[in-house]
PDB file of N, CA and C in Angstrom:
ATOM      1  N   MET A   1      94.084  91.946  95.003  1.00  0.00           N
ATOM      2  CA  MET A   1      94.757  91.580  93.799  1.00  0.00           C
ATOM      3  C   MET A   1      93.482  91.346  92.927  1.00  0.00           C
ATOM      4  N   HIS A   2      93.376  91.679  91.639  1.00  0.00           N
ATOM      5  CA  HIS A   2      92.404  91.518  90.676  1.00  0.00           C
ATOM      6  C   HIS A   2      92.919  90.696  89.595  1.00  0.00           C
ATOM      7  N   ILE A   3      92.572  89.523  89.501  1.00  0.00           N
ATOM      8  CA  ILE A   3      93.036  88.687  88.345  1.00  0.00           C
ATOM      9  C   ILE A   3      92.230  89.111  87.123  1.00  0.00           C
ATOM     10  N   VAL A   4      92.923  89.359  86.019  1.00  0.00           N
ATOM     11  CA  VAL A   4      92.401  89.791  84.787  1.00  0.00           C
ATOM     12  C   VAL A   4      92.686  88.795  83.676  1.00  0.00           C
ATOM     13  N   GLU A   5      91.685  88.333  82.947  1.00  0.00           N
ATOM     14  CA  GLU A   5      91.829  87.445  81.720  1.00  0.00           C
ATOM     15  C   GLU A   5      91.947  88.509  80.474  1.00  0.00           C
ATOM     16  N   LEU A   6      93.021  88.317  79.922  1.00  0.00           N
ATOM     17  CA  LEU A   6      93.574  89.240  78.779  1.00  0.00           C
ATOM     18  C   LEU A   6      93.486  88.505  77.519  1.00  0.00           C
ATOM     19  N   ASP A   7      93.134  89.134  76.362  1.00  0.00           N
ATOM     20  CA  ASP A   7      93.168  88.298  74.979  1.00  0.00           C
ATOM     21  C   ASP A   7      94.803  88.202  74.681  1.00  0.00           C
ATOM     22  N   GLU A   8      95.065  87.480  73.862  1.00  0.00           N
ATOM     23  CA  GLU A   8      96.444  86.950  73.406  1.00  0.00           C
ATOM     24  C   GLU A   8      97.314  88.240  73.300  1.00  0.00           C
ATOM     25  N   ALA A   9      96.877  89.265  72.453  1.00  0.00           N
ATOM     26  CA  ALA A   9      97.677  90.352  72.255  1.00  0.00           C
ATOM     27  C   ALA A   9      98.059  91.104  73.448  1.00  0.00           C
ATOM     28  N   GLN A  10      97.068  91.428  74.295  1.00  0.00           N
ATOM     29  CA  GLN A  10      97.202  92.000  75.501  1.00  0.00           C
ATOM     30  C   GLN A  10      98.153  91.190  76.453  1.00  0.00           C
ATOM     31  N   MET A  11      97.943  89.909  76.466  1.00  0.00           N
ATOM     32  CA  MET A  11      98.829  89.065  77.384  1.00  0.00           C
ATOM     33  C   MET A  11     100.314  89.316  76.952  1.00  0.00           C
ATOM     34  N   ASP A  12     100.522  89.300  75.642  1.00  0.00           N
ATOM     35  CA  ASP A  12     101.807  89.287  75.102  1.00  0.00           C
ATOM     36  C   ASP A  12     102.507  90.679  75.505  1.00  0.00           C
ATOM     37  N   ASP A  13     101.679  91.658  75.519  1.00  0.00           N
ATOM     38  CA  ASP A  13     102.117  93.198  75.839  1.00  0.00           C
ATOM     39  C   ASP A  13     102.654  93.065  77.377  1.00  0.00           C
ATOM     40  N   VAL A  14     101.728  92.682  78.232  1.00  0.00           N
ATOM     41  CA  VAL A  14     102.042  92.645  79.582  1.00  0.00           C
ATOM     42  C   VAL A  14     102.946  91.740  79.899  1.00  0.00           C
ATOM     43  N   VAL A  15     103.207  90.528  79.290  1.00  0.00           N
ATOM     44  CA  VAL A  15     104.083  89.589  79.720  1.00  0.00           C
ATOM     45  C   VAL A  15     105.551  90.241  79.301  1.00  0.00           C
ATOM     46  N   SER A  16     105.637  90.742  78.148  1.00  0.00           N
ATOM     47  CA  SER A  16     106.839  91.325  77.614  1.00  0.00           C
ATOM     48  C   SER A  16     107.267  92.614  78.533  1.00  0.00           C
ATOM     49  N   MET A  17     106.363  93.350  78.887  1.00  0.00           N
ATOM     50  CA  MET A  17     106.704  94.399  79.954  1.00  0.00           C
ATOM     51  C   MET A  17     107.251  93.843  81.291  1.00  0.00           C
ATOM     52  N   ALA A  18     106.629  92.756  81.781  1.00  0.00           N
ATOM     53  CA  ALA A  18     107.052  92.264  82.930  1.00  0.00           C
ATOM     54  C   ALA A  18     108.432  91.532  82.908  1.00  0.00           C
ATOM     55  N   ASN A  19     108.758  91.016  81.714  1.00  0.00           N
ATOM     56  CA  ASN A  19     109.909  90.201  81.526  1.00  0.00           C
ATOM     57  C   ASN A  19     110.975  91.376  81.400  1.00  0.00           C
ATOM     58  N   ARG A  20     110.759  92.512  80.656  1.00  0.00           N
ATOM     59  CA  ARG A  20     111.748  93.481  80.466  1.00  0.00           C
ATOM     60  C   ARG A  20     112.159  94.202  81.774  1.00  0.00           C
ATOM     61  N   MET A  21     110.865  94.580  82.585  1.00  0.00           N
ATOM     62  CA  MET A  21     111.084  95.233  84.054  1.00  0.00           C
ATOM     63  C   MET A  21     111.949  94.177  84.990  1.00  0.00           C
ATOM     64  N   THR A  22     111.453  92.928  84.995  1.00  0.00           N
ATOM     65  CA  THR A  22     111.949  91.980  85.836  1.00  0.00           C
ATOM     66  C   THR A  22     113.476  91.823  85.610  1.00  0.00           C
ATOM     67  N   ASP A  23     113.796  91.616  84.178  1.00  0.00           N
ATOM     68  CA  ASP A  23     115.187  91.366  83.888  1.00  0.00           C
ATOM     69  C   ASP A  23     116.082  92.561  84.113  1.00  0.00           C
ATOM     70  N   GLY A  24     115.572  93.851  84.253  1.00  0.00           N
ATOM     71  CA  GLY A  24     116.300  95.028  84.376  1.00  0.00           C
ATOM     72  C   GLY A  24     116.460  94.939  85.992  1.00  0.00           C
ATOM     73  N   ILE A  25     115.517  94.431  86.827  1.00  0.00           N
ATOM     74  CA  ILE A  25     115.807  94.423  88.320  1.00  0.00           C
ATOM     75  C   ILE A  25     116.971  93.378  88.677  1.00  0.00           C
ATOM     76  N   ILE A  26     116.940  92.325  88.025  1.00  0.00           N
ATOM     77  CA  ILE A  26     117.800  91.365  88.030  1.00  0.00           C
ATOM     78  C   ILE A  26     119.107  91.772  87.816  1.00  0.00           C
ATOM     79  N   ALA A  27     119.361  92.454  86.677  1.00  0.00           N
ATOM     80  CA  ALA A  27     120.565  92.769  86.054  1.00  0.00           C
ATOM     81  C   ALA A  27     121.214  93.877  86.873  1.00  0.00           C
ATOM     82  N   ALA A  28     120.437  94.678  87.531  1.00  0.00           N
ATOM     83  CA  ALA A  28     120.925  95.907  88.336  1.00  0.00           C
ATOM     84  C   ALA A  28     121.771  95.357  89.607  1.00  0.00           C
ATOM     85  N   ALA A  29     122.965  95.924  89.531  1.00  0.00           N
ATOM     86  CA  ALA A  29     123.911  95.468  90.575  1.00  0.00           C
ATOM     87  C   ALA A  29     123.871  96.692  91.805  1.00  0.00           C
ATOM     88  N   GLY A  30     123.846  96.358  92.937  1.00  0.00           N
ATOM     89  CA  GLY A  30     124.179  97.096  93.950  1.00  0.00           C
ATOM     90  C   GLY A  30     122.848  97.618  94.612  1.00  0.00           C
ATOM     91  N   THR A  31     121.745  97.383  94.252  1.00  0.00           N
ATOM     92  CA  THR A  31     120.527  97.968  94.784  1.00  0.00           C
ATOM     93  C   THR A  31     119.635  96.694  95.054  1.00  0.00           C
ATOM     94  N   PRO A  32     119.057  96.409  96.152  1.00  0.00           N
ATOM     95  CA  PRO A  32     118.309  95.358  96.615  1.00  0.00           C
ATOM     96  C   PRO A  32     117.056  95.263  95.891  1.00  0.00           C
ATOM     97  N   HIS A  33     116.708  93.983  95.305  1.00  0.00           N
ATOM     98  CA  HIS A  33     115.504  93.982  94.429  1.00  0.00           C
ATOM     99  C   HIS A  33     114.359  94.384  95.113  1.00  0.00           C
ATOM    100  N   SER A  34     114.027  94.313  96.436  1.00  0.00           N
ATOM    101  CA  SER A  34     112.913  94.774  97.007  1.00  0.00           C
ATOM    102  C   SER A  34     112.864  96.284  96.795  1.00  0.00           C
ATOM    103  N   GLU A  35     113.988  96.950  96.939  1.00  0.00           N
ATOM    104  CA  GLU A  35     113.984  98.456  96.755  1.00  0.00           C
ATOM    105  C   GLU A  35     113.554  98.804  95.416  1.00  0.00           C
ATOM    106  N   GLN A  36     114.001  98.214  94.293  1.00  0.00           N
ATOM    107  CA  GLN A  36     113.766  98.364  93.068  1.00  0.00           C
ATOM    108  C   GLN A  36     112.247  98.105  92.647  1.00  0.00           C
ATOM    109  N   VAL A  37     111.695  97.171  93.506  1.00  0.00           N
ATOM    110  CA  VAL A  37     110.253  96.731  93.178  1.00  0.00           C
ATOM    111  C   VAL A  37     109.356  97.788  93.768  1.00  0.00           C
ATOM    112  N   ALA A  38     109.832  98.321  95.066  1.00  0.00           N
ATOM    113  CA  ALA A  38     109.194  99.329  95.714  1.00  0.00           C
ATOM    114  C   ALA A  38     109.086 100.603  94.830  1.00  0.00           C
ATOM    115  N   ASP A  39     110.360 100.858  94.260  1.00  0.00           N
ATOM    116  CA  ASP A  39     110.290 102.083  93.523  1.00  0.00           C
ATOM    117  C   ASP A  39     109.444 102.094  92.217  1.00  0.00           C
ATOM    118  N   LEU A  40     109.377 100.828  91.611  1.00  0.00           N
ATOM    119  CA  LEU A  40     108.370 100.608  90.495  1.00  0.00           C
ATOM    120  C   LEU A  40     106.987 100.874  90.878  1.00  0.00           C
ATOM    121  N   PHE A  41     106.653 100.319  92.037  1.00  0.00           N
ATOM    122  CA  PHE A  41     105.225 100.300  92.567  1.00  0.00           C
ATOM    123  C   PHE A  41     104.938 101.907  92.847  1.00  0.00           C
ATOM    124  N   ALA A  42     105.976 102.636  93.321  1.00  0.00           N
ATOM    125  CA  ALA A  42     105.742 104.097  93.746  1.00  0.00           C
ATOM    126  C   ALA A  42     105.390 104.805  92.542  1.00  0.00           C
ATOM    127  N   GLY A  43     106.106 104.485  91.527  1.00  0.00           N
ATOM    128  CA  GLY A  43     106.110 105.356  90.190  1.00  0.00           C
ATOM    129  C   GLY A  43     104.960 104.929  89.188  1.00  0.00           C
ATOM    130  N   ALA A  44     104.201 103.853  89.643  1.00  0.00           N
ATOM    131  CA  ALA A  44     103.194 103.447  88.604  1.00  0.00           C
ATOM    132  C   ALA A  44     101.730 103.841  89.144  1.00  0.00           C
ATOM    133  N   ASP A  45     100.884 104.179  88.132  1.00  0.00           N
ATOM    134  CA  ASP A  45      99.453 104.153  88.469  1.00  0.00           C
ATOM    135  C   ASP A  45      98.744 102.904  88.484  1.00  0.00           C
ATOM    136  N   LEU A  46      99.372 102.072  87.457  1.00  0.00           N
ATOM    137  CA  LEU A  46      98.756 100.699  87.391  1.00  0.00           C
ATOM    138  C   LEU A  46      99.895  99.660  87.350  1.00  0.00           C
ATOM    139  N   PHE A  47      99.713  98.632  88.084  1.00  0.00           N
ATOM    140  CA  PHE A  47     100.825  97.750  88.297  1.00  0.00           C
ATOM    141  C   PHE A  47     100.271  96.330  87.981  1.00  0.00           C
ATOM    142  N   TRP A  48     100.934  95.472  87.063  1.00  0.00           N
ATOM    143  CA  TRP A  48     100.588  94.251  86.778  1.00  0.00           C
ATOM    144  C   TRP A  48     101.476  93.186  87.383  1.00  0.00           C
ATOM    145  N   ALA A  49     100.906  92.117  87.868  1.00  0.00           N
ATOM    146  CA  ALA A  49     101.694  90.960  88.397  1.00  0.00           C
ATOM    147  C   ALA A  49     101.467  89.792  87.165  1.00  0.00           C
ATOM    148  N   VAL A  50     102.589  89.210  87.034  1.00  0.00           N
ATOM    149  CA  VAL A  50     102.437  87.992  86.095  1.00  0.00           C
ATOM    150  C   VAL A  50     103.148  86.911  86.752  1.00  0.00           C
ATOM    151  N   TRP A  51     102.559  85.738  86.618  1.00  0.00           N
ATOM    152  CA  TRP A  51     103.351  84.371  86.990  1.00  0.00           C
ATOM    153  C   TRP A  51     102.667  83.222  86.166  1.00  0.00           C
ATOM    154  N   GLN A  52     103.529  82.164  86.213  1.00  0.00           N
ATOM    155  CA  GLN A  52     103.128  81.036  85.275  1.00  0.00           C
ATOM    156  C   GLN A  52     102.251  80.179  86.241  1.00  0.00           C
ATOM    157  N   GLU A  53     101.238  79.743  85.544  1.00  0.00           N
ATOM    158  CA  GLU A  53     100.184  78.759  86.245  1.00  0.00           C
ATOM    159  C   GLU A  53      99.620  77.981  85.191  1.00  0.00           C
ATOM    160  N   LYS A  54      99.707  76.538  85.399  1.00  0.00           N
ATOM    161  CA  LYS A  54      99.431  75.744  84.398  1.00  0.00           C
ATOM    162  C   LYS A  54      97.996  75.771  83.913  1.00  0.00           C
ATOM    163  N   ARG A  55      97.006  75.986  84.852  1.00  0.00           N
ATOM    164  CA  ARG A  55      95.698  76.094  84.533  1.00  0.00           C
ATOM    165  C   ARG A  55      95.076  77.352  83.917  1.00  0.00           C
ATOM    166  N   ALA A  56      95.853  78.266  83.883  1.00  0.00           N
ATOM    167  CA  ALA A  56      95.450  79.658  83.094  1.00  0.00           C
ATOM    168  C   ALA A  56      95.713  79.390  81.688  1.00  0.00           C
ATOM    169  N   PRO A  57      94.904  80.358  80.904  1.00  0.00           N
ATOM    170  CA  PRO A  57      95.105  80.434  79.496  1.00  0.00           C
ATOM    171  C   PRO A  57      96.458  80.841  79.173  1.00  0.00           C
ATOM    172  N   HIS A  58      97.139  80.117  78.313  1.00  0.00           N
ATOM    173  CA  HIS A  58      98.386  80.248  77.839  1.00  0.00           C
ATOM    174  C   HIS A  58      99.480  79.897  78.879  1.00  0.00           C
ATOM    175  N   GLY A  59      98.898  79.402  79.936  1.00  0.00           N
ATOM    176  CA  GLY A  59      99.937  79.059  81.015  1.00  0.00           C
ATOM    177  C   GLY A  59     100.451  80.245  81.830  1.00  0.00           C
ATOM    178  N   VAL A  60      99.820  81.345  81.683  1.00  0.00           N
ATOM    179  CA  VAL A  60     100.185  82.637  82.551  1.00  0.00           C
ATOM    180  C   VAL A  60      98.943  83.266  83.113  1.00  0.00           C
ATOM    181  N   ARG A  61      99.205  83.692  84.286  1.00  0.00           N
ATOM    182  CA  ARG A  61      98.125  84.454  85.100  1.00  0.00           C
ATOM    183  C   ARG A  61      98.508  85.947  85.238  1.00  0.00           C
ATOM    184  N   THR A  62      97.748  86.823  84.897  1.00  0.00           N
ATOM    185  CA  THR A  62      97.831  88.141  85.160  1.00  0.00           C
ATOM    186  C   THR A  62      97.003  88.838  86.052  1.00  0.00           C
ATOM    187  N   ALA A  63      97.333  89.761  86.771  1.00  0.00           N
ATOM    188  CA  ALA A  63      96.649  90.357  87.793  1.00  0.00           C
ATOM    189  C   ALA A  63      96.957  91.955  87.943  1.00  0.00           C
ATOM    190  N   ILE A  64      95.941  92.838  88.248  1.00  0.00           N
ATOM    191  CA  ILE A  64      96.404  94.260  88.750  1.00  0.00           C
ATOM    192  C   ILE A  64      96.495  94.057  90.249  1.00  0.00           C
ATOM    193  N   VAL A  65      97.719  94.501  90.690  1.00  0.00           N
ATOM    194  CA  VAL A  65      97.912  94.527  92.164  1.00  0.00           C
ATOM    195  C   VAL A  65      97.973  96.088  92.530  1.00  0.00           C
ATOM    196  N   LYS A  66      97.968  97.019  91.762  1.00  0.00           N
ATOM    197  CA  LYS A  66      97.884  98.342  92.076  1.00  0.00           C
ATOM    198  C   LYS A  66      97.108  99.122  90.923  1.00  0.00           C
ATOM    199  N   GLY A  67      96.094  99.926  91.274  1.00  0.00           N
ATOM    200  CA  GLY A  67      95.491 100.852  90.606  1.00  0.00           C
ATOM    201  C   GLY A  67      94.173 100.415  89.903  1.00  0.00           C
ATOM    202  N   ILE A  68      93.543  99.466  90.642  1.00  0.00           N
ATOM    203  CA  ILE A  68      92.253  98.907  90.037  1.00  0.00           C
ATOM    204  C   ILE A  68      91.282 100.110  90.050  1.00  0.00           C
ATOM    205  N   GLY A  69      91.169 100.898  91.001  1.00  0.00           N
ATOM    206  CA  GLY A  69      90.440 102.142  91.323  1.00  0.00           C
ATOM    207  C   GLY A  69      90.703 103.159  90.140  1.00  0.00           C
ATOM    208  N   THR A  70      91.884 103.390  89.892  1.00  0.00           N
ATOM    209  CA  THR A  70      92.158 104.295  88.937  1.00  0.00           C
ATOM    210  C   THR A  70      91.706 103.897  87.530  1.00  0.00           C
ATOM    211  N   VAL A  71      91.767 102.523  87.236  1.00  0.00           N
ATOM    212  CA  VAL A  71      91.376 102.041  86.080  1.00  0.00           C
ATOM    213  C   VAL A  71      89.797 102.140  85.932  1.00  0.00           C
ATOM    214  N   ARG A  72      89.101 101.909  86.909  1.00  0.00           N
ATOM    215  CA  ARG A  72      87.663 102.129  87.065  1.00  0.00           C
ATOM    216  C   ARG A  72      87.331 103.617  86.985  1.00  0.00           C
ATOM    217  N   GLU A  73      87.881 104.509  87.527  1.00  0.00           N
ATOM    218  CA  GLU A  73      87.746 105.970  87.359  1.00  0.00           C
ATOM    219  C   GLU A  73      88.005 106.430  85.995  1.00  0.00           C
ATOM    220  N   THR A  74      89.103 105.947  85.342  1.00  0.00           N
ATOM    221  CA  THR A  74      89.247 106.391  83.997  1.00  0.00           C
ATOM    222  C   THR A  74      88.356 105.820  83.019  1.00  0.00           C
ATOM    223  N   ALA A  75      87.809 104.478  83.253  1.00  0.00           N
ATOM    224  CA  ALA A  75      86.972 103.944  82.223  1.00  0.00           C
ATOM    225  C   ALA A  75      85.734 104.689  82.500  1.00  0.00           C
ATOM    226  N   ALA A  76      85.274 105.166  83.623  1.00  0.00           N
ATOM    227  CA  ALA A  76      84.039 105.760  83.792  1.00  0.00           C
ATOM    228  C   ALA A  76      83.958 107.299  83.424  1.00  0.00           C
ATOM    229  N   SER A  77      85.099 107.663  83.186  1.00  0.00           N
ATOM    230  CA  SER A  77      85.193 109.205  82.796  1.00  0.00           C
ATOM    231  C   SER A  77      85.127 109.347  81.338  1.00  0.00           C
ATOM    232  N   GLU A  78      84.568 110.780  81.079  1.00  0.00           N
ATOM    233  CA  GLU A  78      84.543 111.038  79.674  1.00  0.00           C
ATOM    234  C   GLU A  78      85.775 111.399  79.138  1.00  0.00           C
ATOM    235  N   HIS A  79      86.678 111.694  79.950  1.00  0.00           N
ATOM    236  CA  HIS A  79      88.026 112.034  79.547  1.00  0.00           C
ATOM    237  C   HIS A  79      89.121 110.970  79.976  1.00  0.00           C
ATOM    238  N   GLY A  80      89.890 110.566  78.946  1.00  0.00           N
ATOM    239  CA  GLY A  80      90.815 109.464  79.202  1.00  0.00           C
ATOM    240  C   GLY A  80      92.005 110.162  79.842  1.00  0.00           C
ATOM    241  N   ARG A  81      92.925 109.364  80.408  1.00  0.00           N
ATOM    242  CA  ARG A  81      94.253 109.962  80.903  1.00  0.00           C
ATOM    243  C   ARG A  81      95.275 108.860  80.777  1.00  0.00           C
ATOM    244  N   ALA A  82      96.599 109.370  80.538  1.00  0.00           N
ATOM    245  CA  ALA A  82      97.496 108.447  80.460  1.00  0.00           C
ATOM    246  C   ALA A  82      97.917 107.863  81.761  1.00  0.00           C
ATOM    247  N   LEU A  83      98.201 106.701  81.916  1.00  0.00           N
ATOM    248  CA  LEU A  83      98.600 105.992  83.165  1.00  0.00           C
ATOM    249  C   LEU A  83     100.076 105.567  83.050  1.00  0.00           C
ATOM    250  N   ARG A  84     100.822 105.601  84.133  1.00  0.00           N
ATOM    251  CA  ARG A  84     102.223 105.043  84.257  1.00  0.00           C
ATOM    252  C   ARG A  84     101.890 103.593  84.535  1.00  0.00           C
ATOM    253  N   VAL A  85     102.409 102.684  83.812  1.00  0.00           N
ATOM    254  CA  VAL A  85     102.226 101.177  83.885  1.00  0.00           C
ATOM    255  C   VAL A  85     103.461 100.536  84.073  1.00  0.00           C
ATOM    256  N   ALA A  86     103.520  99.689  85.013  1.00  0.00           N
ATOM    257  CA  ALA A  86     104.671  98.800  85.234  1.00  0.00           C
ATOM    258  C   ALA A  86     104.103  97.314  85.441  1.00  0.00           C
ATOM    259  N   ALA A  87     105.073  96.422  85.252  1.00  0.00           N
ATOM    260  CA  ALA A  87     104.654  94.889  85.416  1.00  0.00           C
ATOM    261  C   ALA A  87     105.829  94.191  85.806  1.00  0.00           C
ATOM    262  N   VAL A  88     105.723  93.139  86.653  1.00  0.00           N
ATOM    263  CA  VAL A  88     106.927  92.178  87.157  1.00  0.00           C
ATOM    264  C   VAL A  88     106.441  90.837  87.155  1.00  0.00           C
ATOM    265  N   ARG A  89     107.425  90.022  86.919  1.00  0.00           N
ATOM    266  CA  ARG A  89     107.171  88.645  87.140  1.00  0.00           C
ATOM    267  C   ARG A  89     107.194  88.142  88.636  1.00  0.00           C
ATOM    268  N   PHE A  90     106.288  87.197  88.895  1.00  0.00           N
ATOM    269  CA  PHE A  90     106.415  86.727  90.287  1.00  0.00           C
ATOM    270  C   PHE A  90     106.490  85.205  90.254  1.00  0.00           C
ATOM    271  N   ARG A  91     106.986  84.544  91.045  1.00  0.00           N
ATOM    272  CA  ARG A  91     106.938  83.041  91.286  1.00  0.00           C
ATOM    273  C   ARG A  91     105.713  82.394  91.192  1.00  0.00           C
ATOM    274  N   ASN A  92     104.710  82.983  91.992  1.00  0.00           N
ATOM    275  CA  ASN A  92     103.446  82.474  92.098  1.00  0.00           C
ATOM    276  C   ASN A  92     102.366  83.346  92.468  1.00  0.00           C
ATOM    277  N   ALA A  93     101.039  83.089  92.570  1.00  0.00           N
ATOM    278  CA  ALA A  93     100.111  83.920  93.019  1.00  0.00           C
ATOM    279  C   ALA A  93     100.417  84.401  94.390  1.00  0.00           C
ATOM    280  N   ALA A  94     100.753  83.657  95.376  1.00  0.00           N
ATOM    281  CA  ALA A  94     101.062  84.043  96.623  1.00  0.00           C
ATOM    282  C   ALA A  94     102.070  85.214  96.785  1.00  0.00           C
ATOM    283  N   GLU A  95     103.039  84.948  95.913  1.00  0.00           N
ATOM    284  CA  GLU A  95     104.106  86.121  95.973  1.00  0.00           C
ATOM    285  C   GLU A  95     103.488  87.519  95.410  1.00  0.00           C
ATOM    286  N   ALA A  96     102.596  87.389  94.314  1.00  0.00           N
ATOM    287  CA  ALA A  96     102.001  88.537  93.806  1.00  0.00           C
ATOM    288  C   ALA A  96     101.049  89.036  94.789  1.00  0.00           C
ATOM    289  N   GLN A  97     100.325  88.132  95.665  1.00  0.00           N
ATOM    290  CA  GLN A  97      99.408  88.768  96.473  1.00  0.00           C
ATOM    291  C   GLN A  97     100.102  89.495  97.611  1.00  0.00           C
ATOM    292  N   ALA A  98     101.123  88.895  97.983  1.00  0.00           N
ATOM    293  CA  ALA A  98     102.137  89.601  99.148  1.00  0.00           C
ATOM    294  C   ALA A  98     102.500  91.019  98.706  1.00  0.00           C
ATOM    295  N   ALA A  99     102.992  91.185  97.343  1.00  0.00           N
ATOM    296  CA  ALA A  99     103.334  92.408  96.785  1.00  0.00           C
ATOM    297  C   ALA A  99     102.115  93.501  96.896  1.00  0.00           C
ATOM    298  N   CYS A 100     100.990  92.954  96.502  1.00  0.00           N
ATOM    299  CA  CYS A 100      99.703  93.732  96.542  1.00  0.00           C
ATOM    300  C   CYS A 100      99.548  94.300  97.979  1.00  0.00           C
ATOM    301  N   GLN A 101      99.710  93.484  99.108  1.00  0.00           N
ATOM    302  CA  GLN A 101      99.430  93.884 100.339  1.00  0.00           C
ATOM    303  C   GLN A 101     100.479  94.847 100.983  1.00  0.00           C
ATOM    304  N   VAL A 102     101.755  94.646 100.395  1.00  0.00           N
ATOM    305  CA  VAL A 102     102.840  95.401 100.779  1.00  0.00           C
ATOM    306  C   VAL A 102     102.985  96.878 100.117  1.00  0.00           C
ATOM    307  N   TYR A 103     102.793  96.752  98.720  1.00  0.00           N
ATOM    308  CA  TYR A 103     102.897  97.885  97.923  1.00  0.00           C
ATOM    309  C   TYR A 103     101.561  98.470  97.141  1.00  0.00           C
ATOM    310  N   GLY A 104     100.709  97.396  97.070  1.00  0.00           N
ATOM    311  CA  GLY A 104      99.664  97.859  96.185  1.00  0.00           C
ATOM    312  C   GLY A 104      98.367  98.160  96.779  1.00  0.00           C
ATOM    313  N   ASP A 105      97.264  97.774  96.204  1.00  0.00           N
ATOM    314  CA  ASP A 105      96.089  98.171  96.491  1.00  0.00           C
ATOM    315  C   ASP A 105      95.442  97.712  97.882  1.00  0.00           C
ATOM    316  N   GLU A 106      96.080  96.605  98.331  1.00  0.00           N
ATOM    317  CA  GLU A 106      95.603  96.052  99.542  1.00  0.00           C
ATOM    318  C   GLU A 106      96.489  96.518 100.793  1.00  0.00           C
ATOM    319  N   GLN A 107      97.165  97.638 100.662  1.00  0.00           N
ATOM    320  CA  GLN A 107      98.127  98.123 101.849  1.00  0.00           C
ATOM    321  C   GLN A 107      97.267  98.285 103.125  1.00  0.00           C
ATOM    322  N   ALA A 108      96.137  99.021 102.944  1.00  0.00           N
ATOM    323  CA  ALA A 108      95.375  99.330 104.040  1.00  0.00           C
ATOM    324  C   ALA A 108      94.651  98.100 104.713  1.00  0.00           C
ATOM    325  N   GLU A 109      94.365  97.188 103.929  1.00  0.00           N
ATOM    326  CA  GLU A 109      93.654  96.038 104.397  1.00  0.00           C
ATOM    327  C   GLU A 109      94.542  95.115 105.148  1.00  0.00           C
ATOM    328  N   ALA A 110      95.926  95.185 104.655  1.00  0.00           N
ATOM    329  CA  ALA A 110      96.974  94.269 105.365  1.00  0.00           C
ATOM    330  C   ALA A 110      97.450  94.939 106.835  1.00  0.00           C
ATOM    331  N   ALA A 111      97.276  96.218 106.886  1.00  0.00           N
ATOM    332  CA  ALA A 111      97.864  96.967 107.986  1.00  0.00           C
ATOM    333  C   ALA A 111      96.946  96.691 109.174  1.00  0.00           C
TER     334      ALA A 111
END
């Protein structure tokens, strides 16, 4: 999990996306939340985790839980590429870390 400090505009964008996607998961009837989160992870090149944390700027912490390698490769490349991006709210850093280990960049490390 890679905690990222964002400027206010970027933070607003990521938090808005996380709120929208999380609200959609909650509103969907009939499909377990864990399956929906797994599907979001599978379809994303870059996945943000968002959670409230009093010590963080603006009271919110953000982290990349999937796709840090892709971001680094894209940044180093002469050619940009469009990334499929997803974001979800988590209750805390531990929950975001667990998602990173189950679905994200740390799968191999956790196995």
